Amino acid sequence: MAISQDSLVYKMEEHLQVQGYLRVEDEDDGRGYRRYSMPFLRALAGAIVEEIKENAKAIDMTDGGKWSIE
């Protein structure tokens, strides 16, 4: 099993929604958002930890037990 960007993005979005964040389109003329909060960082960290724990359970033996990161 590989750690994938899509899986991590999905988990990040789930964790952010639990913290009350809503998905929005970039509404500031393409400049990107520059502010964040500790709940935001905690939600992202939670998603990353969840992804790592999930992948630690399934070692890919096709590569001799090495992790694959995509």
PDB file of N, CA and C in Angstrom:
ATOM      1  N   MET A   1       0.852  -1.173   0.000  1.00  0.00           N
ATOM      2  CA  MET A   1       0.000   0.000   0.000  1.00  0.00           C
ATOM      3  C   MET A   1       0.898   1.236   0.000  1.00  0.00           C
ATOM      4  N   ALA A   2       0.536   2.218  -0.745  1.00  0.00           N
ATOM      5  CA  ALA A   2       1.343   3.429  -0.865  1.00  0.00           C
ATOM      6  C   ALA A   2       0.648   4.603  -0.191  1.00  0.00           C
ATOM      7  N   ILE A   3       1.451   5.473   0.357  1.00  0.00           N
ATOM      8  CA  ILE A   3       0.920   6.741   0.845  1.00  0.00           C
ATOM      9  C   ILE A   3       0.705   7.599  -0.387  1.00  0.00           C
ATOM     10  N   SER A   4      -0.533   8.008  -0.618  1.00  0.00           N
ATOM     11  CA  SER A   4      -0.812   8.760  -1.836  1.00  0.00           C
ATOM     12  C   SER A   4      -1.315  10.162  -1.519  1.00  0.00           C
ATOM     13  N   GLN A   5      -1.067  11.060  -2.428  1.00  0.00           N
ATOM     14  CA  GLN A   5      -1.511  12.438  -2.272  1.00  0.00           C
ATOM     15  C   GLN A   5      -3.037  12.502  -2.217  1.00  0.00           C
ATOM     16  N   ASP A   6      -3.708  11.750  -3.076  1.00  0.00           N
ATOM     17  CA  ASP A   6      -5.174  11.781  -3.102  1.00  0.00           C
ATOM     18  C   ASP A   6      -5.771  11.321  -1.778  1.00  0.00           C
ATOM     19  N   SER A   7      -5.224  10.245  -1.227  1.00  0.00           N
ATOM     20  CA  SER A   7      -5.723   9.727   0.042  1.00  0.00           C
ATOM     21  C   SER A   7      -5.493  10.736   1.161  1.00  0.00           C
ATOM     22  N   LEU A   8      -4.327  11.354   1.167  1.00  0.00           N
ATOM     23  CA  LEU A   8      -4.009  12.333   2.205  1.00  0.00           C
ATOM     24  C   LEU A   8      -4.883  13.573   2.075  1.00  0.00           C
ATOM     25  N   VAL A   9      -5.105  14.051   0.860  1.00  0.00           N
ATOM     26  CA  VAL A   9      -5.975  15.216   0.645  1.00  0.00           C
ATOM     27  C   VAL A   9      -7.382  14.911   1.146  1.00  0.00           C
ATOM     28  N   TYR A  10      -7.877  13.710   0.850  1.00  0.00           N
ATOM     29  CA  TYR A  10      -9.209  13.306   1.306  1.00  0.00           C
ATOM     30  C   TYR A  10      -9.284  13.341   2.837  1.00  0.00           C
ATOM     31  N   LYS A  11      -8.267  12.774   3.492  1.00  0.00           N
ATOM     32  CA  LYS A  11      -8.255  12.757   4.955  1.00  0.00           C
ATOM     33  C   LYS A  11      -8.118  14.165   5.523  1.00  0.00           C
ATOM     34  N   MET A  12      -7.296  15.008   4.900  1.00  0.00           N
ATOM     35  CA  MET A  12      -7.153  16.392   5.360  1.00  0.00           C
ATOM     36  C   MET A  12      -8.493  17.109   5.308  1.00  0.00           C
ATOM     37  N   GLU A  13      -9.201  16.926   4.193  1.00  0.00           N
ATOM     38  CA  GLU A  13     -10.497  17.583   4.046  1.00  0.00           C
ATOM     39  C   GLU A  13     -11.473  17.091   5.115  1.00  0.00           C
ATOM     40  N   GLU A  14     -11.479  15.788   5.387  1.00  0.00           N
ATOM     41  CA  GLU A  14     -12.349  15.249   6.435  1.00  0.00           C
ATOM     42  C   GLU A  14     -12.020  15.861   7.792  1.00  0.00           C
ATOM     43  N   HIS A  15     -10.737  15.916   8.129  1.00  0.00           N
ATOM     44  CA  HIS A  15     -10.320  16.460   9.418  1.00  0.00           C
ATOM     45  C   HIS A  15     -10.643  17.951   9.515  1.00  0.00           C
ATOM     46  N   LEU A  16     -10.481  18.686   8.432  1.00  0.00           N
ATOM     47  CA  LEU A  16     -10.811  20.115   8.443  1.00  0.00           C
ATOM     48  C   LEU A  16     -12.310  20.323   8.631  1.00  0.00           C
ATOM     49  N   GLN A  17     -13.125  19.498   7.992  1.00  0.00           N
ATOM     50  CA  GLN A  17     -14.576  19.628   8.137  1.00  0.00           C
ATOM     51  C   GLN A  17     -15.008  19.348   9.569  1.00  0.00           C
ATOM     52  N   VAL A  18     -14.358  18.396  10.237  1.00  0.00           N
ATOM     53  CA  VAL A  18     -14.659  18.115  11.646  1.00  0.00           C
ATOM     54  C   VAL A  18     -14.380  19.356  12.497  1.00  0.00           C
ATOM     55  N   GLN A  19     -13.361  20.124  12.122  1.00  0.00           N
ATOM     56  CA  GLN A  19     -13.007  21.348  12.849  1.00  0.00           C
ATOM     57  C   GLN A  19     -13.876  22.532  12.442  1.00  0.00           C
ATOM     58  N   GLY A  20     -14.810  22.323  11.523  1.00  0.00           N
ATOM     59  CA  GLY A  20     -15.732  23.382  11.133  1.00  0.00           C
ATOM     60  C   GLY A  20     -15.331  24.182   9.907  1.00  0.00           C
ATOM     61  N   TYR A  21     -14.254  23.763   9.222  1.00  0.00           N
ATOM     62  CA  TYR A  21     -13.843  24.464   8.010  1.00  0.00           C
ATOM     63  C   TYR A  21     -14.724  24.043   6.844  1.00  0.00           C
ATOM     64  N   LEU A  22     -14.979  24.976   5.945  1.00  0.00           N
ATOM     65  CA  LEU A  22     -15.770  24.708   4.754  1.00  0.00           C
ATOM     66  C   LEU A  22     -14.896  24.840   3.521  1.00  0.00           C
ATOM     67  N   ARG A  23     -15.151  24.004   2.541  1.00  0.00           N
ATOM     68  CA  ARG A  23     -14.404  24.088   1.281  1.00  0.00           C
ATOM     69  C   ARG A  23     -14.972  25.243   0.460  1.00  0.00           C
ATOM     70  N   VAL A  24     -14.107  26.134   0.016  1.00  0.00           N
ATOM     71  CA  VAL A  24     -14.524  27.278  -0.794  1.00  0.00           C
ATOM     72  C   VAL A  24     -13.590  27.409  -1.991  1.00  0.00           C
ATOM     73  N   GLU A  25     -14.058  28.102  -3.004  1.00  0.00           N
ATOM     74  CA  GLU A  25     -13.193  28.420  -4.135  1.00  0.00           C
ATOM     75  C   GLU A  25     -12.299  29.592  -3.737  1.00  0.00           C
ATOM     76  N   ASP A  26     -11.163  29.722  -4.394  1.00  0.00           N
ATOM     77  CA  ASP A  26     -10.239  30.817  -4.111  1.00  0.00           C
ATOM     78  C   ASP A  26     -10.905  32.120  -4.525  1.00  0.00           C
ATOM     79  N   GLU A  27     -11.303  32.913  -3.541  1.00  0.00           N
ATOM     80  CA  GLU A  27     -12.089  34.114  -3.814  1.00  0.00           C
ATOM     81  C   GLU A  27     -11.302  35.413  -3.644  1.00  0.00           C
ATOM     82  N   ASP A  28     -10.003  35.324  -3.577  1.00  0.00           N
ATOM     83  CA  ASP A  28      -9.228  36.554  -3.367  1.00  0.00           C
ATOM     84  C   ASP A  28      -8.322  36.862  -4.557  1.00  0.00           C
ATOM     85  N   ASP A  29      -8.887  36.768  -5.744  1.00  0.00           N
ATOM     86  CA  ASP A  29      -8.195  37.119  -6.990  1.00  0.00           C
ATOM     87  C   ASP A  29      -6.925  36.306  -7.227  1.00  0.00           C
ATOM     88  N   GLY A  30      -6.943  35.063  -6.806  1.00  0.00           N
ATOM     89  CA  GLY A  30      -5.824  34.177  -7.097  1.00  0.00           C
ATOM     90  C   GLY A  30      -4.592  34.375  -6.242  1.00  0.00           C
ATOM     91  N   ARG A  31      -4.662  35.207  -5.228  1.00  0.00           N
ATOM     92  CA  ARG A  31      -3.486  35.439  -4.389  1.00  0.00           C
ATOM     93  C   ARG A  31      -3.230  34.286  -3.431  1.00  0.00           C
ATOM     94  N   GLY A  32      -4.256  33.499  -3.162  1.00  0.00           N
ATOM     95  CA  GLY A  32      -4.111  32.387  -2.217  1.00  0.00           C
ATOM     96  C   GLY A  32      -4.290  32.863  -0.787  1.00  0.00           C
ATOM     97  N   TYR A  33      -4.728  31.969   0.052  1.00  0.00           N
ATOM     98  CA  TYR A  33      -4.932  32.314   1.460  1.00  0.00           C
ATOM     99  C   TYR A  33      -3.601  32.283   2.183  1.00  0.00           C
ATOM    100  N   ARG A  34      -3.388  33.234   3.069  1.00  0.00           N
ATOM    101  CA  ARG A  34      -2.111  33.349   3.762  1.00  0.00           C
ATOM    102  C   ARG A  34      -2.239  33.187   5.274  1.00  0.00           C
ATOM    103  N   ARG A  35      -3.442  32.976   5.785  1.00  0.00           N
ATOM    104  CA  ARG A  35      -3.629  32.857   7.227  1.00  0.00           C
ATOM    105  C   ARG A  35      -4.057  31.447   7.579  1.00  0.00           C
ATOM    106  N   TYR A  36      -3.674  31.023   8.756  1.00  0.00           N
ATOM    107  CA  TYR A  36      -4.099  29.718   9.250  1.00  0.00           C
ATOM    108  C   TYR A  36      -4.201  29.784  10.766  1.00  0.00           C
ATOM    109  N   SER A  37      -4.848  28.803  11.332  1.00  0.00           N
ATOM    110  CA  SER A  37      -5.036  28.766  12.779  1.00  0.00           C
ATOM    111  C   SER A  37      -4.497  27.444  13.323  1.00  0.00           C
ATOM    112  N   MET A  38      -4.352  27.366  14.631  1.00  0.00           N
ATOM    113  CA  MET A  38      -3.892  26.123  15.240  1.00  0.00           C
ATOM    114  C   MET A  38      -4.881  24.983  15.002  1.00  0.00           C
ATOM    115  N   PRO A  39      -6.215  25.209  15.067  1.00  0.00           N
ATOM    116  CA  PRO A  39      -7.121  24.106  14.734  1.00  0.00           C
ATOM    117  C   PRO A  39      -6.909  23.606  13.299  1.00  0.00           C
ATOM    118  N   PHE A  40      -6.582  24.506  12.391  1.00  0.00           N
ATOM    119  CA  PHE A  40      -6.297  24.126  11.007  1.00  0.00           C
ATOM    120  C   PHE A  40      -5.076  23.206  10.963  1.00  0.00           C
ATOM    121  N   LEU A  41      -4.002  23.615  11.642  1.00  0.00           N
ATOM    122  CA  LEU A  41      -2.784  22.798  11.659  1.00  0.00           C
ATOM    123  C   LEU A  41      -3.022  21.461  12.348  1.00  0.00           C
ATOM    124  N   ARG A  42      -3.783  21.469  13.438  1.00  0.00           N
ATOM    125  CA  ARG A  42      -4.076  20.213  14.139  1.00  0.00           C
ATOM    126  C   ARG A  42      -4.882  19.264  13.252  1.00  0.00           C
ATOM    127  N   ALA A  43      -5.824  19.817  12.494  1.00  0.00           N
ATOM    128  CA  ALA A  43      -6.621  18.986  11.591  1.00  0.00           C
ATOM    129  C   ALA A  43      -5.738  18.354  10.517  1.00  0.00           C
ATOM    130  N   LEU A  44      -4.819  19.134   9.955  1.00  0.00           N
ATOM    131  CA  LEU A  44      -3.911  18.585   8.940  1.00  0.00           C
ATOM    132  C   LEU A  44      -2.981  17.540   9.550  1.00  0.00           C
ATOM    133  N   ALA A  45      -2.451  17.835  10.731  1.00  0.00           N
ATOM    134  CA  ALA A  45      -1.561  16.881  11.394  1.00  0.00           C
ATOM    135  C   ALA A  45      -2.301  15.581  11.701  1.00  0.00           C
ATOM    136  N   GLY A  46      -3.560  15.696  12.127  1.00  0.00           N
ATOM    137  CA  GLY A  46      -4.353  14.503  12.407  1.00  0.00           C
ATOM    138  C   GLY A  46      -4.535  13.645  11.171  1.00  0.00           C
ATOM    139  N   ALA A  47      -4.765  14.290  10.036  1.00  0.00           N
ATOM    140  CA  ALA A  47      -4.934  13.554   8.782  1.00  0.00           C
ATOM    141  C   ALA A  47      -3.638  12.856   8.380  1.00  0.00           C
ATOM    142  N   ILE A  48      -2.521  13.522   8.568  1.00  0.00           N
ATOM    143  CA  ILE A  48      -1.226  12.931   8.212  1.00  0.00           C
ATOM    144  C   ILE A  48      -0.931  11.725   9.099  1.00  0.00           C
ATOM    145  N   VAL A  49      -1.172  11.879  10.402  1.00  0.00           N
ATOM    146  CA  VAL A  49      -0.945  10.769  11.326  1.00  0.00           C
ATOM    147  C   VAL A  49      -1.856   9.592  10.978  1.00  0.00           C
ATOM    148  N   GLU A  50      -3.122   9.871  10.663  1.00  0.00           N
ATOM    149  CA  GLU A  50      -4.057   8.807  10.279  1.00  0.00           C
ATOM    150  C   GLU A  50      -3.563   8.069   9.041  1.00  0.00           C
ATOM    151  N   GLU A  51      -3.084   8.806   8.057  1.00  0.00           N
ATOM    152  CA  GLU A  51      -2.589   8.196   6.815  1.00  0.00           C
ATOM    153  C   GLU A  51      -1.377   7.313   7.091  1.00  0.00           C
ATOM    154  N   ILE A  52      -0.456   7.792   7.910  1.00  0.00           N
ATOM    155  CA  ILE A  52       0.745   7.012   8.221  1.00  0.00           C
ATOM    156  C   ILE A  52       0.374   5.750   8.992  1.00  0.00           C
ATOM    157  N   LYS A  53      -0.507   5.887   9.993  1.00  0.00           N
ATOM    158  CA  LYS A  53      -0.921   4.715  10.772  1.00  0.00           C
ATOM    159  C   LYS A  53      -1.615   3.681   9.892  1.00  0.00           C
ATOM    160  N   GLU A  54      -2.479   4.152   8.999  1.00  0.00           N
ATOM    161  CA  GLU A  54      -3.197   3.247   8.103  1.00  0.00           C
ATOM    162  C   GLU A  54      -2.227   2.493   7.203  1.00  0.00           C
ATOM    163  N   ASN A  55      -1.225   3.180   6.714  1.00  0.00           N
ATOM    164  CA  ASN A  55      -0.266   2.554   5.809  1.00  0.00           C
ATOM    165  C   ASN A  55       0.747   1.694   6.546  1.00  0.00           C
ATOM    166  N   ALA A  56       0.979   1.968   7.813  1.00  0.00           N
ATOM    167  CA  ALA A  56       1.915   1.159   8.592  1.00  0.00           C
ATOM    168  C   ALA A  56       1.364  -0.245   8.822  1.00  0.00           C
ATOM    169  N   LYS A  57       0.046  -0.397   8.733  1.00  0.00           N
ATOM    170  CA  LYS A  57      -0.584  -1.701   8.935  1.00  0.00           C
ATOM    171  C   LYS A  57      -0.389  -2.622   7.738  1.00  0.00           C
ATOM    172  N   ALA A  58      -0.165  -2.063   6.577  1.00  0.00           N
ATOM    173  CA  ALA A  58      -0.096  -2.864   5.349  1.00  0.00           C
ATOM    174  C   ALA A  58       1.247  -2.656   4.668  1.00  0.00           C
ATOM    175  N   ILE A  59       2.186  -3.514   4.981  1.00  0.00           N
ATOM    176  CA  ILE A  59       3.503  -3.425   4.354  1.00  0.00           C
ATOM    177  C   ILE A  59       3.431  -4.106   2.991  1.00  0.00           C
ATOM    178  N   ASP A  60       3.905  -3.418   1.987  1.00  0.00           N
ATOM    179  CA  ASP A  60       3.879  -3.937   0.617  1.00  0.00           C
ATOM    180  C   ASP A  60       5.048  -4.900   0.424  1.00  0.00           C
ATOM    181  N   MET A  61       4.760  -6.180   0.399  1.00  0.00           N
ATOM    182  CA  MET A  61       5.814  -7.185   0.285  1.00  0.00           C
ATOM    183  C   MET A  61       6.351  -7.316  -1.141  1.00  0.00           C
ATOM    184  N   THR A  62       5.692  -6.707  -2.121  1.00  0.00           N
ATOM    185  CA  THR A  62       6.189  -6.797  -3.493  1.00  0.00           C
ATOM    186  C   THR A  62       7.508  -6.057  -3.655  1.00  0.00           C
ATOM    187  N   ASP A  63       7.754  -5.082  -2.787  1.00  0.00           N
ATOM    188  CA  ASP A  63       9.019  -4.342  -2.833  1.00  0.00           C
ATOM    189  C   ASP A  63       9.920  -4.729  -1.669  1.00  0.00           C
ATOM    190  N   GLY A  64       9.771  -5.922  -1.177  1.00  0.00           N
ATOM    191  CA  GLY A  64      10.606  -6.375  -0.075  1.00  0.00           C
ATOM    192  C   GLY A  64      10.247  -5.712   1.241  1.00  0.00           C
ATOM    193  N   GLY A  65       9.014  -5.266   1.390  1.00  0.00           N
ATOM    194  CA  GLY A  65       8.570  -4.656   2.638  1.00  0.00           C
ATOM    195  C   GLY A  65       8.874  -3.181   2.751  1.00  0.00           C
ATOM    196  N   LYS A  66       9.263  -2.549   1.658  1.00  0.00           N
ATOM    197  CA  LYS A  66       9.570  -1.117   1.689  1.00  0.00           C
ATOM    198  C   LYS A  66       8.312  -0.300   1.459  1.00  0.00           C
ATOM    199  N   TRP A  67       8.244   0.846   2.092  1.00  0.00           N
ATOM    200  CA  TRP A  67       7.114   1.758   1.890  1.00  0.00           C
ATOM    201  C   TRP A  67       7.228   2.427   0.536  1.00  0.00           C
ATOM    202  N   SER A  68       6.095   2.735  -0.030  1.00  0.00           N
ATOM    203  CA  SER A  68       6.046   3.459  -1.292  1.00  0.00           C
ATOM    204  C   SER A  68       5.304   4.766  -1.074  1.00  0.00           C
ATOM    205  N   ILE A  69       5.900   5.868  -1.466  1.00  0.00           N
ATOM    206  CA  ILE A  69       5.256   7.174  -1.345  1.00  0.00           C
ATOM    207  C   ILE A  69       5.082   7.733  -2.738  1.00  0.00           C
ATOM    208  N   GLU A  70       3.819   8.054  -3.090  1.00  0.00           N
ATOM    209  CA  GLU A  70       3.514   8.562  -4.427  1.00  0.00           C
ATOM    210  C   GLU A  70       3.208  10.036  -4.362  1.00  0.00           C
TER     211      GLU A  70
END
